[in-house]
Amino acid sequence: MFDWHNAWVEARQIGLVYLLTAIIGWDREQSTHSTGVRTFPIVGIASCGYLLVLGPQPDVAAQSRVLQGLITGIGFVGGGAILKEGVTVRGTATAASIWNAGVIGASVAMGRYETAVLLALLNFVTLRYLLPVKNWLDRSKQNGD
């Protein structure tokens, strides 16, 4: 029998994950990164979905195995965002953010909404507002300061 109440609760959870991770993806797209507005929400909702399929009161051991798989799998996806050009490595912040999108999804699925919102906020702030600091540090290294 279809449980409409549970379906509504899960739809809200997946919607929240989608919103939180789409904001981070949008920021990546605005920064002209190839990984962004599509990848982040998909990673987030997939992570949420994998945990939601365990049911409302999942077995702790099963939940642990799913989380371990997510950590490994999302690391592999994030690895695809890292590019090496000569001695320069790019995309590590995007890769780390993809990994964080998975944690956001898992947090929501486990009912840890405050954790998900905090992770999304800190990820967005880090990408958006620490870039000038990173650029300044990179220039200082190049100038030998």
N, C-alpha and C. Protein backbone atom coordinates (compact mmCIF):
# COMPACT_ATOMS: atom_id res chain seq x y z
N MET A 1 0.85 -1.18 0.00
CA MET A 1 0.00 0.00 0.00
C MET A 1 0.89 1.24 0.00
N PHE A 2 0.53 2.21 -0.76
CA PHE A 2 1.29 3.45 -0.87
C PHE A 2 1.04 4.34 0.35
N ASP A 3 2.11 4.80 0.94
CA ASP A 3 2.03 5.63 2.15
C ASP A 3 2.19 7.09 1.74
N TRP A 4 1.07 7.80 1.61
CA TRP A 4 1.10 9.19 1.15
C TRP A 4 1.84 10.10 2.14
N HIS A 5 1.68 9.86 3.40
CA HIS A 5 2.36 10.69 4.40
C HIS A 5 3.88 10.55 4.26
N ASN A 6 4.35 9.33 4.18
CA ASN A 6 5.79 9.09 4.03
C ASN A 6 6.30 9.67 2.71
N ALA A 7 5.51 9.54 1.66
CA ALA A 7 5.90 10.08 0.36
C ALA A 7 6.06 11.60 0.44
N TRP A 8 5.17 12.26 1.15
CA TRP A 8 5.23 13.72 1.29
C TRP A 8 6.45 14.13 2.10
N VAL A 9 6.73 13.42 3.18
CA VAL A 9 7.90 13.71 4.01
C VAL A 9 9.18 13.55 3.19
N GLU A 10 9.29 12.46 2.45
CA GLU A 10 10.48 12.23 1.63
C GLU A 10 10.59 13.23 0.49
N ALA A 11 9.48 13.64 -0.09
CA ALA A 11 9.51 14.64 -1.16
C ALA A 11 10.04 15.98 -0.61
N ARG A 12 9.63 16.33 0.59
CA ARG A 12 10.15 17.56 1.22
C ARG A 12 11.64 17.43 1.49
N GLN A 13 12.06 16.27 1.96
CA GLN A 13 13.49 16.07 2.24
C GLN A 13 14.31 16.18 0.95
N ILE A 14 13.87 15.50 -0.07
CA ILE A 14 14.60 15.54 -1.34
C ILE A 14 14.58 16.95 -1.92
N GLY A 15 13.45 17.65 -1.78
CA GLY A 15 13.38 19.04 -2.24
C GLY A 15 14.36 19.94 -1.52
N LEU A 16 14.49 19.76 -0.21
CA LEU A 16 15.44 20.56 0.56
C LEU A 16 16.86 20.28 0.10
N VAL A 17 17.21 19.01 -0.07
CA VAL A 17 18.54 18.66 -0.55
C VAL A 17 18.79 19.29 -1.91
N TYR A 18 17.80 19.19 -2.79
CA TYR A 18 17.93 19.75 -4.13
C TYR A 18 18.22 21.25 -4.06
N LEU A 19 17.47 21.96 -3.25
CA LEU A 19 17.66 23.40 -3.11
C LEU A 19 19.04 23.73 -2.56
N LEU A 20 19.42 23.08 -1.47
CA LEU A 20 20.71 23.37 -0.83
C LEU A 20 21.89 23.10 -1.76
N THR A 21 21.83 22.00 -2.49
CA THR A 21 22.96 21.65 -3.36
C THR A 21 22.92 22.40 -4.69
N ALA A 22 21.73 22.78 -5.15
CA ALA A 22 21.65 23.56 -6.38
C ALA A 22 22.28 24.94 -6.20
N ILE A 23 22.16 25.50 -5.01
CA ILE A 23 22.78 26.80 -4.73
C ILE A 23 24.30 26.70 -4.86
N ILE A 24 24.87 25.64 -4.33
CA ILE A 24 26.32 25.44 -4.45
C ILE A 24 26.69 25.21 -5.90
N GLY A 25 25.93 24.39 -6.60
CA GLY A 25 26.18 24.13 -8.02
C GLY A 25 26.06 25.39 -8.86
N TRP A 26 25.09 26.22 -8.53
CA TRP A 26 24.93 27.49 -9.25
C TRP A 26 26.17 28.36 -9.07
N ASP A 27 26.71 28.38 -7.86
CA ASP A 27 27.92 29.16 -7.62
C ASP A 27 29.08 28.63 -8.45
N ARG A 28 29.20 27.33 -8.56
CA ARG A 28 30.28 26.74 -9.38
C ARG A 28 30.10 27.13 -10.84
N GLU A 29 28.88 27.10 -11.33
CA GLU A 29 28.62 27.49 -12.72
C GLU A 29 28.95 28.96 -12.95
N GLN A 30 28.61 29.81 -11.99
CA GLN A 30 28.91 31.24 -12.10
C GLN A 30 30.41 31.50 -12.12
N SER A 31 31.16 30.60 -11.51
CA SER A 31 32.61 30.73 -11.47
C SER A 31 33.26 30.03 -12.66
N THR A 32 32.47 29.74 -13.69
CA THR A 32 32.89 29.09 -14.93
C THR A 32 33.56 27.74 -14.71
N HIS A 33 33.06 26.96 -13.78
CA HIS A 33 33.52 25.59 -13.59
C HIS A 33 32.56 24.67 -14.35
N SER A 34 33.09 23.61 -14.92
CA SER A 34 32.26 22.73 -15.73
C SER A 34 31.30 21.89 -14.89
N THR A 35 31.66 21.63 -13.65
CA THR A 35 30.81 20.84 -12.77
C THR A 35 29.98 21.81 -11.94
N GLY A 36 28.67 21.66 -11.98
CA GLY A 36 27.91 22.66 -11.26
C GLY A 36 26.45 22.37 -11.07
N VAL A 37 25.63 23.14 -11.73
CA VAL A 37 24.21 23.23 -11.44
C VAL A 37 23.46 21.90 -11.64
N ARG A 38 23.99 21.00 -12.44
CA ARG A 38 23.34 19.69 -12.60
C ARG A 38 23.95 18.65 -11.67
N THR A 39 25.27 18.63 -11.56
CA THR A 39 25.96 17.59 -10.80
C THR A 39 25.67 17.66 -9.31
N PHE A 40 25.74 18.83 -8.73
CA PHE A 40 25.58 18.95 -7.28
C PHE A 40 24.22 18.48 -6.79
N PRO A 41 23.12 18.92 -7.41
CA PRO A 41 21.82 18.42 -6.94
C PRO A 41 21.66 16.90 -7.13
N ILE A 42 22.21 16.38 -8.22
CA ILE A 42 22.08 14.94 -8.46
C ILE A 42 22.83 14.15 -7.39
N VAL A 43 24.05 14.58 -7.07
CA VAL A 43 24.82 13.91 -6.01
C VAL A 43 24.06 14.01 -4.68
N GLY A 44 23.53 15.18 -4.38
CA GLY A 44 22.80 15.37 -3.12
C GLY A 44 21.55 14.52 -3.01
N ILE A 45 20.72 14.54 -4.05
CA ILE A 45 19.47 13.77 -3.96
C ILE A 45 19.73 12.27 -4.04
N ALA A 46 20.76 11.87 -4.76
CA ALA A 46 21.09 10.43 -4.81
C ALA A 46 21.54 9.96 -3.43
N SER A 47 22.37 10.75 -2.78
CA SER A 47 22.82 10.38 -1.44
C SER A 47 21.65 10.29 -0.48
N CYS A 48 20.78 11.25 -0.57
CA CYS A 48 19.57 11.24 0.27
C CYS A 48 18.73 10.00 -0.06
N GLY A 49 18.54 9.75 -1.33
CA GLY A 49 17.72 8.62 -1.76
C GLY A 49 18.25 7.28 -1.31
N TYR A 50 19.56 7.09 -1.39
CA TYR A 50 20.14 5.81 -0.95
C TYR A 50 19.84 5.54 0.52
N LEU A 51 19.83 6.57 1.32
CA LEU A 51 19.52 6.36 2.74
C LEU A 51 18.02 6.26 3.00
N LEU A 52 17.23 6.99 2.21
CA LEU A 52 15.78 6.92 2.39
C LEU A 52 15.22 5.54 2.05
N VAL A 53 15.83 4.85 1.10
CA VAL A 53 15.30 3.53 0.72
C VAL A 53 15.45 2.51 1.84
N LEU A 54 16.25 2.82 2.85
CA LEU A 54 16.39 1.92 3.99
C LEU A 54 15.16 1.95 4.90
N GLY A 55 14.29 2.94 4.69
CA GLY A 55 13.07 3.03 5.47
C GLY A 55 13.18 4.00 6.62
N PRO A 56 12.06 4.26 7.29
CA PRO A 56 12.03 5.28 8.35
C PRO A 56 12.83 4.90 9.60
N GLN A 57 13.03 3.61 9.86
CA GLN A 57 13.82 3.18 11.02
C GLN A 57 14.84 2.15 10.55
N PRO A 58 15.91 2.65 9.90
CA PRO A 58 16.86 1.72 9.29
C PRO A 58 17.73 1.00 10.32
N ASP A 59 18.17 -0.16 9.93
CA ASP A 59 19.15 -0.91 10.70
C ASP A 59 20.46 -0.13 10.69
N VAL A 60 21.06 0.06 11.85
CA VAL A 60 22.28 0.87 11.97
C VAL A 60 23.40 0.28 11.12
N ALA A 61 23.55 -1.02 11.08
CA ALA A 61 24.62 -1.65 10.28
C ALA A 61 24.40 -1.39 8.80
N ALA A 62 23.16 -1.50 8.34
CA ALA A 62 22.86 -1.24 6.93
C ALA A 62 23.12 0.23 6.60
N GLN A 63 22.71 1.10 7.49
CA GLN A 63 22.94 2.54 7.30
C GLN A 63 24.44 2.83 7.21
N SER A 64 25.21 2.19 8.05
CA SER A 64 26.66 2.38 8.04
C SER A 64 27.27 1.92 6.72
N ARG A 65 26.82 0.79 6.21
CA ARG A 65 27.34 0.28 4.93
C ARG A 65 26.98 1.22 3.79
N VAL A 66 25.77 1.74 3.79
CA VAL A 66 25.37 2.69 2.74
C VAL A 66 26.22 3.94 2.81
N LEU A 67 26.43 4.47 4.01
CA LEU A 67 27.27 5.66 4.17
C LEU A 67 28.70 5.41 3.68
N GLN A 68 29.25 4.24 4.00
CA GLN A 68 30.59 3.92 3.54
C GLN A 68 30.65 3.88 2.01
N GLY A 69 29.65 3.30 1.40
CA GLY A 69 29.59 3.26 -0.06
C GLY A 69 29.46 4.64 -0.67
N LEU A 70 28.64 5.48 -0.03
CA LEU A 70 28.48 6.84 -0.53
C LEU A 70 29.79 7.62 -0.45
N ILE A 71 30.48 7.51 0.65
CA ILE A 71 31.74 8.23 0.82
C ILE A 71 32.72 7.83 -0.28
N THR A 72 32.83 6.55 -0.54
CA THR A 72 33.75 6.06 -1.57
C THR A 72 33.28 6.47 -2.97
N GLY A 73 32.03 6.24 -3.25
CA GLY A 73 31.51 6.54 -4.59
C GLY A 73 31.56 8.01 -4.94
N ILE A 74 31.21 8.86 -4.01
CA ILE A 74 31.23 10.29 -4.28
C ILE A 74 32.66 10.79 -4.41
N GLY A 75 33.58 10.18 -3.68
CA GLY A 75 34.99 10.52 -3.86
C GLY A 75 35.44 10.24 -5.28
N PHE A 76 34.96 9.16 -5.87
CA PHE A 76 35.28 8.81 -7.25
C PHE A 76 34.70 9.85 -8.21
N VAL A 77 33.45 10.24 -7.99
CA VAL A 77 32.82 11.27 -8.83
C VAL A 77 33.59 12.59 -8.72
N GLY A 78 33.93 12.98 -7.49
CA GLY A 78 34.68 14.22 -7.28
C GLY A 78 36.05 14.17 -7.93
N GLY A 79 36.67 12.99 -7.96
CA GLY A 79 37.97 12.86 -8.61
C GLY A 79 37.93 13.26 -10.07
N GLY A 80 36.78 13.09 -10.70
CA GLY A 80 36.64 13.49 -12.10
C GLY A 80 36.65 14.99 -12.30
N ALA A 81 36.47 15.74 -11.24
CA ALA A 81 36.47 17.21 -11.33
C ALA A 81 37.87 17.80 -11.18
N ILE A 82 38.83 16.96 -10.81
CA ILE A 82 40.19 17.44 -10.58
C ILE A 82 40.98 17.33 -11.88
N LEU A 83 41.60 18.42 -12.27
CA LEU A 83 42.38 18.47 -13.51
C LEU A 83 43.81 18.85 -13.20
N LYS A 84 44.74 18.16 -13.85
CA LYS A 84 46.15 18.49 -13.68
C LYS A 84 46.64 19.07 -15.00
N GLU A 85 47.16 20.28 -14.93
CA GLU A 85 47.70 20.96 -16.11
C GLU A 85 49.15 21.33 -15.81
N GLY A 86 50.08 20.48 -16.23
CA GLY A 86 51.48 20.72 -15.89
C GLY A 86 51.68 20.53 -14.40
N VAL A 87 52.19 21.56 -13.74
CA VAL A 87 52.39 21.50 -12.29
C VAL A 87 51.19 22.03 -11.53
N THR A 88 50.20 22.52 -12.24
CA THR A 88 49.01 23.10 -11.63
C THR A 88 47.90 22.06 -11.50
N VAL A 89 47.28 22.02 -10.34
CA VAL A 89 46.13 21.14 -10.10
C VAL A 89 44.93 22.04 -9.84
N ARG A 90 43.86 21.79 -10.59
CA ARG A 90 42.63 22.58 -10.45
C ARG A 90 41.46 21.67 -10.15
N GLY A 91 40.47 22.22 -9.51
CA GLY A 91 39.23 21.49 -9.28
C GLY A 91 39.11 20.82 -7.93
N THR A 92 40.09 21.02 -7.07
CA THR A 92 40.00 20.35 -5.77
C THR A 92 38.87 20.90 -4.91
N ALA A 93 38.61 22.19 -5.00
CA ALA A 93 37.49 22.77 -4.24
C ALA A 93 36.16 22.25 -4.77
N THR A 94 36.07 22.11 -6.08
CA THR A 94 34.85 21.55 -6.67
C THR A 94 34.68 20.10 -6.25
N ALA A 95 35.76 19.32 -6.28
CA ALA A 95 35.69 17.92 -5.86
C ALA A 95 35.26 17.81 -4.40
N ALA A 96 35.85 18.63 -3.54
CA ALA A 96 35.48 18.61 -2.13
C ALA A 96 34.02 19.02 -1.94
N SER A 97 33.57 19.95 -2.76
CA SER A 97 32.18 20.41 -2.68
C SER A 97 31.21 19.32 -3.14
N ILE A 98 31.62 18.53 -4.12
CA ILE A 98 30.79 17.40 -4.56
C ILE A 98 30.65 16.41 -3.41
N TRP A 99 31.73 16.16 -2.73
CA TRP A 99 31.71 15.26 -1.58
C TRP A 99 30.78 15.82 -0.50
N ASN A 100 30.86 17.12 -0.28
CA ASN A 100 30.01 17.77 0.70
C ASN A 100 28.53 17.69 0.29
N ALA A 101 28.25 17.77 -1.01
CA ALA A 101 26.87 17.64 -1.48
C ALA A 101 26.29 16.29 -1.08
N GLY A 102 27.12 15.26 -1.11
CA GLY A 102 26.68 13.95 -0.65
C GLY A 102 26.37 13.93 0.83
N VAL A 103 27.18 14.61 1.61
CA VAL A 103 26.94 14.67 3.05
C VAL A 103 25.67 15.46 3.35
N ILE A 104 25.42 16.50 2.56
CA ILE A 104 24.19 17.28 2.73
C ILE A 104 22.99 16.37 2.51
N GLY A 105 23.03 15.59 1.44
CA GLY A 105 21.94 14.66 1.16
C GLY A 105 21.76 13.64 2.26
N ALA A 106 22.87 13.08 2.73
CA ALA A 106 22.80 12.09 3.80
C ALA A 106 22.27 12.71 5.09
N SER A 107 22.68 13.92 5.38
CA SER A 107 22.23 14.60 6.60
C SER A 107 20.72 14.77 6.61
N VAL A 108 20.18 15.20 5.48
CA VAL A 108 18.73 15.40 5.40
C VAL A 108 18.01 14.06 5.55
N ALA A 109 18.51 13.03 4.87
CA ALA A 109 17.87 11.71 4.95
C ALA A 109 17.85 11.19 6.39
N MET A 110 18.86 11.56 7.15
CA MET A 110 18.95 11.09 8.53
C MET A 110 18.29 12.06 9.52
N GLY A 111 17.57 13.06 8.98
CA GLY A 111 16.85 14.00 9.83
C GLY A 111 17.71 15.06 10.48
N ARG A 112 18.91 15.24 10.01
CA ARG A 112 19.84 16.23 10.57
C ARG A 112 19.82 17.50 9.70
N TYR A 113 18.69 18.15 9.67
CA TYR A 113 18.47 19.31 8.82
C TYR A 113 19.42 20.46 9.15
N GLU A 114 19.65 20.68 10.45
CA GLU A 114 20.53 21.77 10.85
C GLU A 114 21.95 21.53 10.34
N THR A 115 22.39 20.28 10.32
CA THR A 115 23.71 19.95 9.80
C THR A 115 23.76 20.22 8.30
N ALA A 116 22.72 19.81 7.60
CA ALA A 116 22.68 20.00 6.15
C ALA A 116 22.72 21.48 5.78
N VAL A 117 21.92 22.28 6.46
CA VAL A 117 21.89 23.72 6.18
C VAL A 117 23.24 24.36 6.49
N LEU A 118 23.82 24.00 7.61
CA LEU A 118 25.12 24.55 7.99
C LEU A 118 26.20 24.15 6.99
N LEU A 119 26.22 22.89 6.57
CA LEU A 119 27.20 22.44 5.58
C LEU A 119 27.04 23.20 4.26
N ALA A 120 25.80 23.37 3.82
CA ALA A 120 25.56 24.08 2.57
C ALA A 120 25.99 25.54 2.68
N LEU A 121 25.64 26.16 3.78
CA LEU A 121 26.00 27.57 3.98
C LEU A 121 27.52 27.75 4.01
N LEU A 122 28.20 26.91 4.79
CA LEU A 122 29.66 27.03 4.88
C LEU A 122 30.34 26.71 3.55
N ASN A 123 29.81 25.75 2.80
CA ASN A 123 30.37 25.43 1.49
C ASN A 123 30.23 26.63 0.56
N PHE A 124 29.04 27.22 0.53
CA PHE A 124 28.79 28.38 -0.33
C PHE A 124 29.70 29.55 0.05
N VAL A 125 29.77 29.85 1.34
CA VAL A 125 30.61 30.96 1.81
C VAL A 125 32.07 30.71 1.48
N THR A 126 32.53 29.49 1.68
CA THR A 126 33.92 29.17 1.38
C THR A 126 34.23 29.36 -0.09
N LEU A 127 33.37 28.84 -0.95
CA LEU A 127 33.62 28.98 -2.39
C LEU A 127 33.53 30.42 -2.85
N ARG A 128 32.57 31.14 -2.34
CA ARG A 128 32.29 32.49 -2.81
C ARG A 128 33.24 33.52 -2.21
N TYR A 129 33.45 33.47 -0.92
CA TYR A 129 34.13 34.57 -0.25
C TYR A 129 35.59 34.30 0.12
N LEU A 130 36.03 33.06 0.05
CA LEU A 130 37.44 32.80 0.31
C LEU A 130 38.27 32.77 -0.97
N LEU A 131 37.63 32.84 -2.12
CA LEU A 131 38.37 32.89 -3.38
C LEU A 131 39.30 34.10 -3.46
N PRO A 132 38.86 35.30 -3.08
CA PRO A 132 39.80 36.43 -3.10
C PRO A 132 41.00 36.22 -2.17
N VAL A 133 40.79 35.57 -1.05
CA VAL A 133 41.90 35.28 -0.13
C VAL A 133 42.86 34.30 -0.79
N LYS A 134 42.32 33.26 -1.44
CA LYS A 134 43.16 32.29 -2.14
C LYS A 134 43.95 32.96 -3.25
N ASN A 135 43.29 33.80 -4.03
CA ASN A 135 43.99 34.50 -5.11
C ASN A 135 45.11 35.39 -4.57
N TRP A 136 44.86 36.05 -3.47
CA TRP A 136 45.88 36.90 -2.85
C TRP A 136 47.07 36.05 -2.39
N LEU A 137 46.78 34.91 -1.77
CA LEU A 137 47.85 34.02 -1.32
C LEU A 137 48.66 33.47 -2.49
N ASP A 138 47.95 33.13 -3.58
CA ASP A 138 48.66 32.64 -4.77
C ASP A 138 49.57 33.72 -5.36
N ARG A 139 49.08 34.94 -5.40
CA ARG A 139 49.92 36.06 -5.91
C ARG A 139 51.12 36.29 -5.00
N SER A 140 50.91 36.16 -3.70
CA SER A 140 52.02 36.36 -2.75
C SER A 140 53.10 35.31 -2.97
N LYS A 141 52.69 34.05 -3.24
CA LYS A 141 53.65 32.99 -3.50
C LYS A 141 54.44 33.27 -4.78
N GLN A 142 53.74 33.75 -5.80
CA GLN A 142 54.40 34.01 -7.09
C GLN A 142 55.39 35.17 -6.96
N ASN A 143 55.08 36.14 -6.14
CA ASN A 143 55.94 37.30 -5.97
C ASN A 143 57.05 37.05 -4.96
N GLY A 144 57.02 35.90 -4.30
CA GLY A 144 58.04 35.57 -3.32
C GLY A 144 57.90 36.33 -2.02
N ASP A 145 56.71 36.82 -1.73
CA ASP A 145 56.48 37.58 -0.48
C ASP A 145 56.43 36.68 0.71
